[in-house]
Amino acid sequence: MKSKIAVLMMVLMSIALLLGCATTGKMDPNMVRTDDLNFWEECSWTDMTAAEQALWGKLGWDEASWEGEAKQPASEDKYWNQLSGVEQAAASALGYTKETWDEE
């Protein structure tokens, strides 16, 4: 029974994530989603709000690097303590902590 509930929860979370990506165009451009770090792995650059793109930009990302068409920024290979203050602030605003950033 517990495994069925776990599977159901995963399906519901996946649907919610997909709906979040699909409705991004209707969202407040200043909104930043921080509740599910997996969101960043699932969405394309154009699925993000302007605020989210700006924060990822502070970490060195742009549309080409996000979509795999250009080299990833240096921040991708840094541990939290190696990030600049600006980079740490951007990562925090995106929902990351030292622990979650370093485990990525």
PDB file of N, CA and C in Angstrom:
ATOM      1  N   MET A   1       0.819  -1.193   0.000  1.00  0.00           N
ATOM      2  CA  MET A   1       0.000   0.000   0.000  1.00  0.00           C
ATOM      3  C   MET A   1       0.868   1.265   0.000  1.00  0.00           C
ATOM      4  N   LYS A   2       1.948   1.247   0.816  1.00  0.00           N
ATOM      5  CA  LYS A   2       2.822   2.414   0.877  1.00  0.00           C
ATOM      6  C   LYS A   2       3.472   2.682  -0.471  1.00  0.00           C
ATOM      7  N   SER A   3       3.846   1.619  -1.207  1.00  0.00           N
ATOM      8  CA  SER A   3       4.482   1.826  -2.504  1.00  0.00           C
ATOM      9  C   SER A   3       3.493   2.416  -3.503  1.00  0.00           C
ATOM     10  N   LYS A   4       2.222   2.041  -3.422  1.00  0.00           N
ATOM     11  CA  LYS A   4       1.215   2.615  -4.322  1.00  0.00           C
ATOM     12  C   LYS A   4       1.031   4.099  -4.028  1.00  0.00           C
ATOM     13  N   ILE A   5       1.046   4.456  -2.774  1.00  0.00           N
ATOM     14  CA  ILE A   5       0.909   5.862  -2.384  1.00  0.00           C
ATOM     15  C   ILE A   5       2.123   6.649  -2.861  1.00  0.00           C
ATOM     16  N   ALA A   6       3.304   6.069  -2.712  1.00  0.00           N
ATOM     17  CA  ALA A   6       4.518   6.741  -3.161  1.00  0.00           C
ATOM     18  C   ALA A   6       4.495   6.966  -4.668  1.00  0.00           C
ATOM     19  N   VAL A   7       4.058   5.965  -5.413  1.00  0.00           N
ATOM     20  CA  VAL A   7       3.969   6.097  -6.872  1.00  0.00           C
ATOM     21  C   VAL A   7       2.951   7.169  -7.241  1.00  0.00           C
ATOM     22  N   LEU A   8       1.807   7.160  -6.579  1.00  0.00           N
ATOM     23  CA  LEU A   8       0.784   8.162  -6.835  1.00  0.00           C
ATOM     24  C   LEU A   8       1.308   9.567  -6.552  1.00  0.00           C
ATOM     25  N   MET A   9       2.019   9.724  -5.452  1.00  0.00           N
ATOM     26  CA  MET A   9       2.594  11.028  -5.105  1.00  0.00           C
ATOM     27  C   MET A   9       3.588  11.481  -6.169  1.00  0.00           C
ATOM     28  N   MET A  10       4.412  10.564  -6.655  1.00  0.00           N
ATOM     29  CA  MET A  10       5.388  10.919  -7.689  1.00  0.00           C
ATOM     30  C   MET A  10       4.679  11.347  -8.974  1.00  0.00           C
ATOM     31  N   VAL A  11       3.614  10.642  -9.337  1.00  0.00           N
ATOM     32  CA  VAL A  11       2.857  10.990 -10.535  1.00  0.00           C
ATOM     33  C   VAL A  11       2.231  12.372 -10.374  1.00  0.00           C
ATOM     34  N   LEU A  12       1.631  12.623  -9.228  1.00  0.00           N
ATOM     35  CA  LEU A  12       1.006  13.928  -8.987  1.00  0.00           C
ATOM     36  C   LEU A  12       2.032  15.054  -8.996  1.00  0.00           C
ATOM     37  N   MET A  13       3.200  14.811  -8.414  1.00  0.00           N
ATOM     38  CA  MET A  13       4.250  15.826  -8.421  1.00  0.00           C
ATOM     39  C   MET A  13       4.740  16.086  -9.841  1.00  0.00           C
ATOM     40  N   SER A  14       4.850  15.041 -10.643  1.00  0.00           N
ATOM     41  CA  SER A  14       5.278  15.203 -12.034  1.00  0.00           C
ATOM     42  C   SER A  14       4.273  16.015 -12.826  1.00  0.00           C
ATOM     43  N   ILE A  15       2.999  15.735 -12.612  1.00  0.00           N
ATOM     44  CA  ILE A  15       1.946  16.488 -13.300  1.00  0.00           C
ATOM     45  C   ILE A  15       1.996  17.952 -12.888  1.00  0.00           C
ATOM     46  N   ALA A  16       2.156  18.193 -11.604  1.00  0.00           N
ATOM     47  CA  ALA A  16       2.232  19.572 -11.119  1.00  0.00           C
ATOM     48  C   ALA A  16       3.427  20.295 -11.728  1.00  0.00           C
ATOM     49  N   LEU A  17       4.553  19.608 -11.836  1.00  0.00           N
ATOM     50  CA  LEU A  17       5.755  20.205 -12.421  1.00  0.00           C
ATOM     51  C   LEU A  17       5.517  20.530 -13.886  1.00  0.00           C
ATOM     52  N   LEU A  18       4.920  19.605 -14.618  1.00  0.00           N
ATOM     53  CA  LEU A  18       4.634  19.840 -16.028  1.00  0.00           C
ATOM     54  C   LEU A  18       3.664  20.992 -16.221  1.00  0.00           C
ATOM     55  N   LEU A  19       2.649  21.061 -15.372  1.00  0.00           N
ATOM     56  CA  LEU A  19       1.703  22.164 -15.468  1.00  0.00           C
ATOM     57  C   LEU A  19       2.375  23.489 -15.146  1.00  0.00           C
ATOM     58  N   GLY A  20       3.286  23.477 -14.200  1.00  0.00           N
ATOM     59  CA  GLY A  20       4.031  24.691 -13.877  1.00  0.00           C
ATOM     60  C   GLY A  20       4.835  25.173 -15.061  1.00  0.00           C
ATOM     61  N   CYS A  21       5.468  24.252 -15.780  1.00  0.00           N
ATOM     62  CA  CYS A  21       6.232  24.613 -16.974  1.00  0.00           C
ATOM     63  C   CYS A  21       5.303  25.104 -18.080  1.00  0.00           C
ATOM     64  N   ALA A  22       4.189  24.434 -18.239  1.00  0.00           N
ATOM     65  CA  ALA A  22       3.282  24.751 -19.340  1.00  0.00           C
ATOM     66  C   ALA A  22       2.592  26.095 -19.159  1.00  0.00           C
ATOM     67  N   THR A  23       2.430  26.537 -17.910  1.00  0.00           N
ATOM     68  CA  THR A  23       1.696  27.774 -17.665  1.00  0.00           C
ATOM     69  C   THR A  23       2.611  28.944 -17.327  1.00  0.00           C
ATOM     70  N   THR A  24       3.895  28.779 -17.519  1.00  0.00           N
ATOM     71  CA  THR A  24       4.845  29.822 -17.146  1.00  0.00           C
ATOM     72  C   THR A  24       4.515  31.159 -17.798  1.00  0.00           C
ATOM     73  N   GLY A  25       4.039  31.129 -19.033  1.00  0.00           N
ATOM     74  CA  GLY A  25       3.732  32.362 -19.736  1.00  0.00           C
ATOM     75  C   GLY A  25       2.694  33.209 -19.029  1.00  0.00           C
ATOM     76  N   LYS A  26       1.905  32.633 -18.156  1.00  0.00           N
ATOM     77  CA  LYS A  26       0.851  33.340 -17.446  1.00  0.00           C
ATOM     78  C   LYS A  26       1.303  33.785 -16.062  1.00  0.00           C
ATOM     79  N   MET A  27       2.520  33.477 -15.705  1.00  0.00           N
ATOM     80  CA  MET A  27       2.999  33.760 -14.359  1.00  0.00           C
ATOM     81  C   MET A  27       3.561  35.169 -14.249  1.00  0.00           C
ATOM     82  N   ASP A  28       3.601  35.647 -13.043  1.00  0.00           N
ATOM     83  CA  ASP A  28       4.220  36.925 -12.744  1.00  0.00           C
ATOM     84  C   ASP A  28       5.695  36.847 -13.123  1.00  0.00           C
ATOM     85  N   PRO A  29       6.202  37.756 -13.963  1.00  0.00           N
ATOM     86  CA  PRO A  29       7.602  37.693 -14.387  1.00  0.00           C
ATOM     87  C   PRO A  29       8.602  37.891 -13.243  1.00  0.00           C
ATOM     88  N   ASN A  30       8.120  38.398 -12.111  1.00  0.00           N
ATOM     89  CA  ASN A  30       8.989  38.597 -10.952  1.00  0.00           C
ATOM     90  C   ASN A  30       9.001  37.413  -9.999  1.00  0.00           C
ATOM     91  N   MET A  31       8.178  36.411 -10.293  1.00  0.00           N
ATOM     92  CA  MET A  31       8.075  35.243  -9.416  1.00  0.00           C
ATOM     93  C   MET A  31       9.303  34.337  -9.578  1.00  0.00           C
ATOM     94  N   VAL A  32       9.727  33.762  -8.449  1.00  0.00           N
ATOM     95  CA  VAL A  32      10.818  32.786  -8.457  1.00  0.00           C
ATOM     96  C   VAL A  32      10.328  31.548  -7.724  1.00  0.00           C
ATOM     97  N   ARG A  33      10.362  30.427  -8.422  1.00  0.00           N
ATOM     98  CA  ARG A  33       9.922  29.163  -7.814  1.00  0.00           C
ATOM     99  C   ARG A  33      11.091  28.546  -7.057  1.00  0.00           C
ATOM    100  N   THR A  34      10.864  28.284  -5.781  1.00  0.00           N
ATOM    101  CA  THR A  34      11.936  27.752  -4.930  1.00  0.00           C
ATOM    102  C   THR A  34      11.540  26.467  -4.221  1.00  0.00           C
ATOM    103  N   ASP A  35      10.338  25.984  -4.459  1.00  0.00           N
ATOM    104  CA  ASP A  35       9.829  24.864  -3.677  1.00  0.00           C
ATOM    105  C   ASP A  35      10.283  23.492  -4.171  1.00  0.00           C
ATOM    106  N   ASP A  36      10.777  23.387  -5.397  1.00  0.00           N
ATOM    107  CA  ASP A  36      11.191  22.096  -5.932  1.00  0.00           C
ATOM    108  C   ASP A  36      12.422  22.292  -6.811  1.00  0.00           C
ATOM    109  N   LEU A  37      13.578  21.908  -6.307  1.00  0.00           N
ATOM    110  CA  LEU A  37      14.814  22.091  -7.058  1.00  0.00           C
ATOM    111  C   LEU A  37      14.844  21.264  -8.334  1.00  0.00           C
ATOM    112  N   ASN A  38      14.067  20.194  -8.407  1.00  0.00           N
ATOM    113  CA  ASN A  38      13.996  19.404  -9.637  1.00  0.00           C
ATOM    114  C   ASN A  38      13.388  20.201 -10.785  1.00  0.00           C
ATOM    115  N   PHE A  39      12.660  21.244 -10.450  1.00  0.00           N
ATOM    116  CA  PHE A  39      12.060  22.099 -11.471  1.00  0.00           C
ATOM    117  C   PHE A  39      13.117  22.595 -12.449  1.00  0.00           C
ATOM    118  N   TRP A  40      14.278  22.961 -11.918  1.00  0.00           N
ATOM    119  CA  TRP A  40      15.332  23.535 -12.760  1.00  0.00           C
ATOM    120  C   TRP A  40      15.868  22.517 -13.769  1.00  0.00           C
ATOM    121  N   GLU A  41      15.828  21.260 -13.437  1.00  0.00           N
ATOM    122  CA  GLU A  41      16.306  20.231 -14.356  1.00  0.00           C
ATOM    123  C   GLU A  41      15.282  19.916 -15.441  1.00  0.00           C
ATOM    124  N   GLU A  42      14.028  20.229 -15.199  1.00  0.00           N
ATOM    125  CA  GLU A  42      12.950  19.854 -16.114  1.00  0.00           C
ATOM    126  C   GLU A  42      12.572  20.954 -17.105  1.00  0.00           C
ATOM    127  N   CYS A  43      12.768  22.197 -16.755  1.00  0.00           N
ATOM    128  CA  CYS A  43      12.274  23.291 -17.583  1.00  0.00           C
ATOM    129  C   CYS A  43      13.340  23.830 -18.529  1.00  0.00           C
ATOM    130  N   SER A  44      12.852  24.365 -19.626  1.00  0.00           N
ATOM    131  CA  SER A  44      13.754  25.039 -20.555  1.00  0.00           C
ATOM    132  C   SER A  44      13.911  26.491 -20.113  1.00  0.00           C
ATOM    133  N   TRP A  45      14.843  27.175 -20.710  1.00  0.00           N
ATOM    134  CA  TRP A  45      15.107  28.575 -20.386  1.00  0.00           C
ATOM    135  C   TRP A  45      13.840  29.412 -20.565  1.00  0.00           C
ATOM    136  N   THR A  46      13.103  29.151 -21.632  1.00  0.00           N
ATOM    137  CA  THR A  46      11.906  29.954 -21.917  1.00  0.00           C
ATOM    138  C   THR A  46      10.748  29.642 -20.984  1.00  0.00           C
ATOM    139  N   ASP A  47      10.835  28.545 -20.215  1.00  0.00           N
ATOM    140  CA  ASP A  47       9.818  28.234 -19.219  1.00  0.00           C
ATOM    141  C   ASP A  47       9.990  29.058 -17.950  1.00  0.00           C
ATOM    142  N   MET A  48      11.144  29.690 -17.805  1.00  0.00           N
ATOM    143  CA  MET A  48      11.433  30.460 -16.591  1.00  0.00           C
ATOM    144  C   MET A  48      10.862  31.865 -16.680  1.00  0.00           C
ATOM    145  N   THR A  49      10.600  32.422 -15.507  1.00  0.00           N
ATOM    146  CA  THR A  49      10.200  33.828 -15.453  1.00  0.00           C
ATOM    147  C   THR A  49      11.432  34.691 -15.701  1.00  0.00           C
ATOM    148  N   ALA A  50      11.211  35.962 -15.956  1.00  0.00           N
ATOM    149  CA  ALA A  50      12.316  36.897 -16.163  1.00  0.00           C
ATOM    150  C   ALA A  50      13.207  36.966 -14.919  1.00  0.00           C
ATOM    151  N   ALA A  51      12.593  36.927 -13.747  1.00  0.00           N
ATOM    152  CA  ALA A  51      13.365  36.973 -12.498  1.00  0.00           C
ATOM    153  C   ALA A  51      14.251  35.734 -12.356  1.00  0.00           C
ATOM    154  N   GLU A  52      13.714  34.573 -12.701  1.00  0.00           N
ATOM    155  CA  GLU A  52      14.496  33.336 -12.610  1.00  0.00           C
ATOM    156  C   GLU A  52      15.662  33.367 -13.605  1.00  0.00           C
ATOM    157  N   GLN A  53      15.397  33.835 -14.818  1.00  0.00           N
ATOM    158  CA  GLN A  53      16.472  33.948 -15.808  1.00  0.00           C
ATOM    159  C   GLN A  53      17.563  34.901 -15.320  1.00  0.00           C
ATOM    160  N   ALA A  54      17.163  35.990 -14.690  1.00  0.00           N
ATOM    161  CA  ALA A  54      18.143  36.955 -14.180  1.00  0.00           C
ATOM    162  C   ALA A  54      19.004  36.333 -13.082  1.00  0.00           C
ATOM    163  N   LEU A  55      18.381  35.565 -12.197  1.00  0.00           N
ATOM    164  CA  LEU A  55      19.145  34.917 -11.129  1.00  0.00           C
ATOM    165  C   LEU A  55      20.113  33.885 -11.691  1.00  0.00           C
ATOM    166  N   TRP A  56      19.642  33.054 -12.627  1.00  0.00           N
ATOM    167  CA  TRP A  56      20.554  32.091 -13.258  1.00  0.00           C
ATOM    168  C   TRP A  56      21.650  32.816 -14.026  1.00  0.00           C
ATOM    169  N   GLY A  57      21.312  33.987 -14.572  1.00  0.00           N
ATOM    170  CA  GLY A  57      22.317  34.801 -15.263  1.00  0.00           C
ATOM    171  C   GLY A  57      23.449  35.220 -14.337  1.00  0.00           C
ATOM    172  N   LYS A  58      23.125  35.500 -13.080  1.00  0.00           N
ATOM    173  CA  LYS A  58      24.163  35.857 -12.102  1.00  0.00           C
ATOM    174  C   LYS A  58      25.085  34.682 -11.809  1.00  0.00           C
ATOM    175  N   LEU A  59      24.601  33.483 -12.113  1.00  0.00           N
ATOM    176  CA  LEU A  59      25.419  32.276 -11.961  1.00  0.00           C
ATOM    177  C   LEU A  59      26.123  31.922 -13.273  1.00  0.00           C
ATOM    178  N   GLY A  60      25.996  32.800 -14.269  1.00  0.00           N
ATOM    179  CA  GLY A  60      26.701  32.622 -15.530  1.00  0.00           C
ATOM    180  C   GLY A  60      25.917  31.940 -16.635  1.00  0.00           C
ATOM    181  N   TRP A  61      24.671  31.594 -16.369  1.00  0.00           N
ATOM    182  CA  TRP A  61      23.863  30.893 -17.368  1.00  0.00           C
ATOM    183  C   TRP A  61      23.190  31.872 -18.303  1.00  0.00           C
ATOM    184  N   ASP A  62      22.997  31.458 -19.536  1.00  0.00           N
ATOM    185  CA  ASP A  62      22.163  32.156 -20.493  1.00  0.00           C
ATOM    186  C   ASP A  62      21.379  31.087 -21.256  1.00  0.00           C
ATOM    187  N   GLU A  63      20.581  31.497 -22.198  1.00  0.00           N
ATOM    188  CA  GLU A  63      19.735  30.524 -22.892  1.00  0.00           C
ATOM    189  C   GLU A  63      20.559  29.434 -23.586  1.00  0.00           C
ATOM    190  N   ALA A  64      21.635  29.815 -24.239  1.00  0.00           N
ATOM    191  CA  ALA A  64      22.448  28.832 -24.972  1.00  0.00           C
ATOM    192  C   ALA A  64      23.081  27.808 -24.035  1.00  0.00           C
ATOM    193  N   SER A  65      23.641  28.268 -22.927  1.00  0.00           N
ATOM    194  CA  SER A  65      24.270  27.317 -21.999  1.00  0.00           C
ATOM    195  C   SER A  65      23.213  26.459 -21.308  1.00  0.00           C
ATOM    196  N   TRP A  66      22.073  27.047 -20.961  1.00  0.00           N
ATOM    197  CA  TRP A  66      21.006  26.300 -20.300  1.00  0.00           C
ATOM    198  C   TRP A  66      20.484  25.185 -21.200  1.00  0.00           C
ATOM    199  N   GLU A  67      20.365  25.474 -22.483  1.00  0.00           N
ATOM    200  CA  GLU A  67      19.819  24.506 -23.432  1.00  0.00           C
ATOM    201  C   GLU A  67      20.889  23.546 -23.970  1.00  0.00           C
ATOM    202  N   GLY A  68      22.115  23.660 -23.473  1.00  0.00           N
ATOM    203  CA  GLY A  68      23.175  22.742 -23.879  1.00  0.00           C
ATOM    204  C   GLY A  68      23.813  23.085 -25.210  1.00  0.00           C
ATOM    205  N   GLU A  69      23.593  24.297 -25.681  1.00  0.00           N
ATOM    206  CA  GLU A  69      24.147  24.727 -26.961  1.00  0.00           C
ATOM    207  C   GLU A  69      25.465  25.473 -26.796  1.00  0.00           C
ATOM    208  N   ALA A  70      25.854  25.724 -25.569  1.00  0.00           N
ATOM    209  CA  ALA A  70      27.107  26.416 -25.258  1.00  0.00           C
ATOM    210  C   ALA A  70      27.664  25.820 -23.972  1.00  0.00           C
ATOM    211  N   LYS A  71      28.893  26.147 -23.688  1.00  0.00           N
ATOM    212  CA  LYS A  71      29.563  25.637 -22.492  1.00  0.00           C
ATOM    213  C   LYS A  71      28.842  26.081 -21.219  1.00  0.00           C
ATOM    214  N   GLN A  72      28.790  25.186 -20.243  1.00  0.00           N
ATOM    215  CA  GLN A  72      28.202  25.531 -18.951  1.00  0.00           C
ATOM    216  C   GLN A  72      29.105  26.538 -18.237  1.00  0.00           C
ATOM    217  N   PRO A  73      28.531  27.409 -17.422  1.00  0.00           N
ATOM    218  CA  PRO A  73      29.339  28.408 -16.710  1.00  0.00           C
ATOM    219  C   PRO A  73      30.191  27.760 -15.615  1.00  0.00           C
ATOM    220  N   ALA A  74      31.189  28.494 -15.185  1.00  0.00           N
ATOM    221  CA  ALA A  74      32.108  28.005 -14.151  1.00  0.00           C
ATOM    222  C   ALA A  74      31.386  27.661 -12.853  1.00  0.00           C
ATOM    223  N   SER A  75      30.291  28.352 -12.554  1.00  0.00           N
ATOM    224  CA  SER A  75      29.580  28.094 -11.298  1.00  0.00           C
ATOM    225  C   SER A  75      29.082  26.656 -11.204  1.00  0.00           C
ATOM    226  N   GLU A  76      28.876  26.015 -12.325  1.00  0.00           N
ATOM    227  CA  GLU A  76      28.367  24.644 -12.342  1.00  0.00           C
ATOM    228  C   GLU A  76      29.330  23.677 -11.656  1.00  0.00           C
ATOM    229  N   ASP A  77      30.620  23.981 -11.701  1.00  0.00           N
ATOM    230  CA  ASP A  77      31.634  23.091 -11.127  1.00  0.00           C
ATOM    231  C   ASP A  77      32.154  23.571  -9.776  1.00  0.00           C
ATOM    232  N   LYS A  78      31.536  24.592  -9.217  1.00  0.00           N
ATOM    233  CA  LYS A  78      31.990  25.133  -7.938  1.00  0.00           C
ATOM    234  C   LYS A  78      31.176  24.592  -6.777  1.00  0.00           C
ATOM    235  N   TYR A  79      31.851  24.424  -5.647  1.00  0.00           N
ATOM    236  CA  TYR A  79      31.158  24.169  -4.393  1.00  0.00           C
ATOM    237  C   TYR A  79      30.645  25.498  -3.868  1.00  0.00           C
ATOM    238  N   TRP A  80      29.694  25.435  -2.958  1.00  0.00           N
ATOM    239  CA  TRP A  80      29.070  26.636  -2.394  1.00  0.00           C
ATOM    240  C   TRP A  80      30.117  27.645  -1.914  1.00  0.00           C
ATOM    241  N   ASN A  81      31.099  27.171  -1.177  1.00  0.00           N
ATOM    242  CA  ASN A  81      32.104  28.079  -0.621  1.00  0.00           C
ATOM    243  C   ASN A  81      32.988  28.713  -1.683  1.00  0.00           C
ATOM    244  N   GLN A  82      32.974  28.184  -2.895  1.00  0.00           N
ATOM    245  CA  GLN A  82      33.751  28.759  -3.996  1.00  0.00           C
ATOM    246  C   GLN A  82      32.946  29.789  -4.784  1.00  0.00           C
ATOM    247  N   LEU A  83      31.638  29.820  -4.570  1.00  0.00           N
ATOM    248  CA  LEU A  83      30.806  30.804  -5.254  1.00  0.00           C
ATOM    249  C   LEU A  83      31.052  32.187  -4.672  1.00  0.00           C
ATOM    250  N   SER A  84      30.968  33.207  -5.506  1.00  0.00           N
ATOM    251  CA  SER A  84      31.063  34.579  -5.006  1.00  0.00           C
ATOM    252  C   SER A  84      29.829  34.897  -4.178  1.00  0.00           C
ATOM    253  N   GLY A  85      29.874  36.007  -3.473  1.00  0.00           N
ATOM    254  CA  GLY A  85      28.717  36.429  -2.693  1.00  0.00           C
ATOM    255  C   GLY A  85      27.491  36.636  -3.568  1.00  0.00           C
ATOM    256  N   VAL A  86      27.683  37.212  -4.745  1.00  0.00           N
ATOM    257  CA  VAL A  86      26.577  37.432  -5.680  1.00  0.00           C
ATOM    258  C   VAL A  86      26.013  36.093  -6.147  1.00  0.00           C
ATOM    259  N   GLU A  87      26.894  35.151  -6.450  1.00  0.00           N
ATOM    260  CA  GLU A  87      26.444  33.830  -6.888  1.00  0.00           C
ATOM    261  C   GLU A  87      25.694  33.097  -5.773  1.00  0.00           C
ATOM    262  N   GLN A  88      26.204  33.177  -4.550  1.00  0.00           N
ATOM    263  CA  GLN A  88      25.517  32.540  -3.424  1.00  0.00           C
ATOM    264  C   GLN A  88      24.139  33.150  -3.208  1.00  0.00           C
ATOM    265  N   ALA A  89      24.044  34.467  -3.327  1.00  0.00           N
ATOM    266  CA  ALA A  89      22.755  35.141  -3.149  1.00  0.00           C
ATOM    267  C   ALA A  89      21.766  34.700  -4.231  1.00  0.00           C
ATOM    268  N   ALA A  90      22.240  34.584  -5.468  1.00  0.00           N
ATOM    269  CA  ALA A  90      21.372  34.134  -6.561  1.00  0.00           C
ATOM    270  C   ALA A  90      20.929  32.694  -6.330  1.00  0.00           C
ATOM    271  N   ALA A  91      21.865  31.829  -5.957  1.00  0.00           N
ATOM    272  CA  ALA A  91      21.530  30.428  -5.698  1.00  0.00           C
ATOM    273  C   ALA A  91      20.528  30.317  -4.547  1.00  0.00           C
ATOM    274  N   SER A  92      20.714  31.110  -3.516  1.00  0.00           N
ATOM    275  CA  SER A  92      19.769  31.111  -2.386  1.00  0.00           C
ATOM    276  C   SER A  92      18.387  31.543  -2.837  1.00  0.00           C
ATOM    277  N   ALA A  93      18.329  32.578  -3.660  1.00  0.00           N
ATOM    278  CA  ALA A  93      17.037  33.069  -4.149  1.00  0.00           C
ATOM    279  C   ALA A  93      16.335  32.031  -5.025  1.00  0.00           C
ATOM    280  N   LEU A  94      17.111  31.123  -5.622  1.00  0.00           N
ATOM    281  CA  LEU A  94      16.552  30.051  -6.448  1.00  0.00           C
ATOM    282  C   LEU A  94      16.174  28.827  -5.621  1.00  0.00           C
ATOM    283  N   GLY A  95      16.411  28.894  -4.314  1.00  0.00           N
ATOM    284  CA  GLY A  95      16.000  27.804  -3.429  1.00  0.00           C
ATOM    285  C   GLY A  95      17.111  26.892  -2.960  1.00  0.00           C
ATOM    286  N   TYR A  96      18.349  27.181  -3.360  1.00  0.00           N
ATOM    287  CA  TYR A  96      19.470  26.327  -2.959  1.00  0.00           C
ATOM    288  C   TYR A  96      20.017  26.728  -1.594  1.00  0.00           C
ATOM    289  N   THR A  97      20.566  25.754  -0.913  1.00  0.00           N
ATOM    290  CA  THR A  97      21.337  25.968   0.319  1.00  0.00           C
ATOM    291  C   THR A  97      22.725  25.423   0.047  1.00  0.00           C
ATOM    292  N   LYS A  98      23.614  25.612   0.973  1.00  0.00           N
ATOM    293  CA  LYS A  98      24.962  25.040   0.818  1.00  0.00           C
ATOM    294  C   LYS A  98      24.861  23.534   0.591  1.00  0.00           C
ATOM    295  N   GLU A  99      24.037  22.878   1.360  1.00  0.00           N
ATOM    296  CA  GLU A  99      23.915  21.425   1.269  1.00  0.00           C
ATOM    297  C   GLU A  99      23.346  20.984  -0.075  1.00  0.00           C
ATOM    298  N   THR A 100      22.264  21.630  -0.509  1.00  0.00           N
ATOM    299  CA  THR A 100      21.657  21.192  -1.773  1.00  0.00           C
ATOM    300  C   THR A 100      22.523  21.565  -2.974  1.00  0.00           C
ATOM    301  N   TRP A 101      23.225  22.705  -2.897  1.00  0.00           N
ATOM    302  CA  TRP A 101      24.108  23.096  -4.005  1.00  0.00           C
ATOM    303  C   TRP A 101      25.267  22.105  -4.119  1.00  0.00           C
ATOM    304  N   ASP A 102      25.870  21.766  -2.991  1.00  0.00           N
ATOM    305  CA  ASP A 102      27.036  20.885  -3.016  1.00  0.00           C
ATOM    306  C   ASP A 102      26.703  19.447  -3.399  1.00  0.00           C
ATOM    307  N   GLU A 103      25.456  19.043  -3.224  1.00  0.00           N
ATOM    308  CA  GLU A 103      25.099  17.662  -3.588  1.00  0.00           C
ATOM    309  C   GLU A 103      24.769  17.531  -5.077  1.00  0.00           C
ATOM    310  N   GLU A 104      24.551  18.627  -5.737  1.00  0.00           N
ATOM    311  CA  GLU A 104      24.197  18.594  -7.170  1.00  0.00           C
ATOM    312  C   GLU A 104      25.335  18.103  -8.009  1.00  0.00           C
TER     313      GLU A 104
END
